[in-house]
Amino acid sequence: MALPKLRRDVRDALAVYGYLLLAAGQKEKAHAVFKGMRVLFPDDAHVAKSLAVTSLAAGDPQSALALADEARGRGSDEDAAALDAVRGKALYALGRLDEARTALGQSLARRAAPRLAANPSTNGRAS
């Protein structure tokens, strides 16, 4: 369900703040912001994705994996590549190397697919 504009604006502002904290190396604070957002927006796939990213950064790969899987079920196709990357990193941290390799390969394939579709004559090579 789409959020009303004011709630979307609040969600987006909090997300920017959380990512600024993460970029500044304040992983725990960023994680706390996204945990709070999860309470405010429990059904939002973007919030689940962001919480998965900060869970991984905070050293909780098991939660990151569960959140990435949940977000994949509700997220858009545009988010799938990023979520596959988070899954791959979480699986790697958990020592599940074959699954991590598969997830990271899927992430790369999803990222390459739009470029290949846009210019099929190059077969993925730069022109």
Protein backbone atom coordinates (compact mmCIF):
# COMPACT_ATOMS: atom_id res chain seq x y z
CA MET A 1 0.00 0.00 0.00
CA ALA A 2 1.32 3.45 -0.89
CA LEU A 3 2.12 5.78 1.98
CA PRO A 4 0.50 9.21 2.18
CA LYS A 5 2.90 11.94 1.03
CA LEU A 6 3.70 13.22 4.53
CA ARG A 7 4.57 9.73 5.78
CA ARG A 8 6.71 9.13 2.65
CA ASP A 9 8.53 12.40 3.29
CA VAL A 10 9.20 11.44 6.91
CA ARG A 11 10.37 7.98 5.86
CA ASP A 12 12.66 9.42 3.21
CA ALA A 13 14.13 12.04 5.57
CA LEU A 14 14.84 9.41 8.23
CA ALA A 15 16.39 7.12 5.62
CA VAL A 16 18.72 9.90 4.44
CA TYR A 17 19.72 10.55 8.04
CA GLY A 18 20.36 6.84 8.61
CA TYR A 19 22.51 6.53 5.50
CA LEU A 20 24.46 9.68 6.43
CA LEU A 21 25.21 8.10 9.81
CA LEU A 22 26.27 4.89 8.10
CA ALA A 23 28.52 6.78 5.67
CA ALA A 24 30.08 8.59 8.64
CA GLY A 25 30.97 5.24 10.20
CA GLN A 26 28.36 5.46 12.95
CA LYS A 27 26.97 1.97 12.33
CA GLU A 28 25.17 1.54 15.65
CA LYS A 29 23.38 4.89 15.37
CA ALA A 30 22.39 4.18 11.77
CA HIS A 31 21.12 0.76 12.81
CA ALA A 32 19.07 2.37 15.61
CA VAL A 33 17.50 4.81 13.12
CA PHE A 34 16.43 1.99 10.81
CA LYS A 35 15.18 -0.13 13.72
CA GLY A 36 13.00 2.81 14.74
CA MET A 37 11.81 3.20 11.17
CA ARG A 38 10.84 -0.48 11.18
CA VAL A 39 8.47 0.26 14.07
CA LEU A 40 6.97 3.22 12.20
CA PHE A 41 6.84 1.50 8.80
CA PRO A 42 6.64 -2.26 9.48
CA ASP A 43 5.46 -3.23 5.99
CA ASP A 44 7.86 -1.07 4.00
CA ALA A 45 10.28 -3.08 1.84
CA HIS A 46 12.71 -0.14 1.57
CA VAL A 47 12.96 0.05 5.35
CA ALA A 48 13.53 -3.72 5.55
CA LYS A 49 16.28 -3.40 2.91
CA SER A 50 17.96 -0.55 4.78
CA LEU A 51 17.74 -2.41 8.07
CA ALA A 52 19.31 -5.44 6.38
CA VAL A 53 22.22 -3.26 5.22
CA THR A 54 22.78 -1.79 8.69
CA SER A 55 22.37 -5.20 10.35
CA LEU A 56 25.18 -6.47 8.17
CA ALA A 57 27.31 -3.40 8.95
CA ALA A 58 26.61 -3.85 12.68
CA GLY A 59 27.84 -7.45 12.54
CA ASP A 60 24.53 -9.32 12.54
CA PRO A 61 24.55 -11.32 9.29
CA GLN A 62 21.74 -13.65 10.39
CA SER A 63 19.31 -10.74 10.80
CA ALA A 64 20.59 -9.17 7.59
CA LEU A 65 19.83 -12.40 5.71
CA ALA A 66 16.33 -12.70 7.16
CA LEU A 67 15.53 -9.05 6.40
CA ALA A 68 16.92 -9.27 2.86
CA ASP A 69 14.79 -12.35 2.20
CA GLU A 70 11.72 -10.57 3.58
CA ALA A 71 12.37 -7.46 1.49
CA ARG A 72 12.86 -9.60 -1.64
CA GLY A 73 9.35 -10.95 -1.14
CA ARG A 74 7.84 -7.47 -1.02
CA GLY A 75 10.37 -5.35 -2.90
CA SER A 76 10.52 -4.15 -6.44
CA ASP A 77 12.59 -5.58 -9.26
CA GLU A 78 14.88 -2.54 -9.00
CA ASP A 79 15.81 -3.56 -5.45
CA ALA A 80 16.47 -7.20 -6.30
CA ALA A 81 20.12 -6.71 -7.31
CA ALA A 82 20.95 -4.80 -4.12
CA LEU A 83 19.12 -7.36 -2.01
CA ASP A 84 20.96 -10.22 -3.71
CA ALA A 85 24.23 -8.44 -2.84
CA VAL A 86 23.19 -8.06 0.81
CA ARG A 87 22.16 -11.73 0.87
CA GLY A 88 25.51 -12.72 -0.63
CA LYS A 89 27.50 -10.72 1.91
CA ALA A 90 25.42 -12.09 4.80
CA LEU A 91 25.80 -15.66 3.56
CA TYR A 92 29.55 -15.14 3.20
CA ALA A 93 29.75 -13.81 6.78
CA LEU A 94 27.86 -16.92 7.92
CA GLY A 95 30.35 -19.17 6.13
CA ARG A 96 27.85 -20.37 3.53
CA LEU A 97 30.22 -19.78 0.65
CA ASP A 98 28.46 -21.63 -2.18
CA GLU A 99 25.18 -19.85 -1.46
CA ALA A 100 27.04 -16.54 -1.17
CA ARG A 101 28.66 -17.07 -4.57
CA THR A 102 25.27 -17.80 -6.13
CA ALA A 103 23.61 -14.74 -4.56
CA LEU A 104 26.46 -12.42 -5.59
CA GLY A 105 26.38 -13.85 -9.11
CA GLN A 106 22.65 -13.17 -9.29
CA SER A 107 23.26 -9.61 -8.13
CA LEU A 108 25.83 -9.03 -10.86
CA ALA A 109 23.60 -10.61 -13.50
CA ARG A 110 20.65 -8.41 -12.48
CA ARG A 111 22.82 -5.30 -12.65
CA ALA A 112 24.15 -6.25 -16.09
CA ALA A 113 20.79 -7.24 -17.56
CA PRO A 114 19.47 -3.69 -18.20
CA ARG A 115 22.71 -2.70 -19.96
CA LEU A 116 22.67 -5.83 -22.10
CA ALA A 117 19.03 -5.26 -23.02
CA ALA A 118 19.76 -1.63 -23.94
CA ASN A 119 22.64 -2.56 -26.26
CA PRO A 120 22.41 -6.23 -27.28
CA SER A 121 24.88 -5.89 -30.16
CA THR A 122 27.86 -5.51 -27.78
CA ASN A 123 27.13 -8.64 -25.71
CA GLY A 124 28.06 -6.72 -22.56
CA ARG A 125 31.36 -5.35 -23.94
CA ALA A 126 32.10 -1.67 -23.70
CA SER A 127 31.95 0.09 -27.04
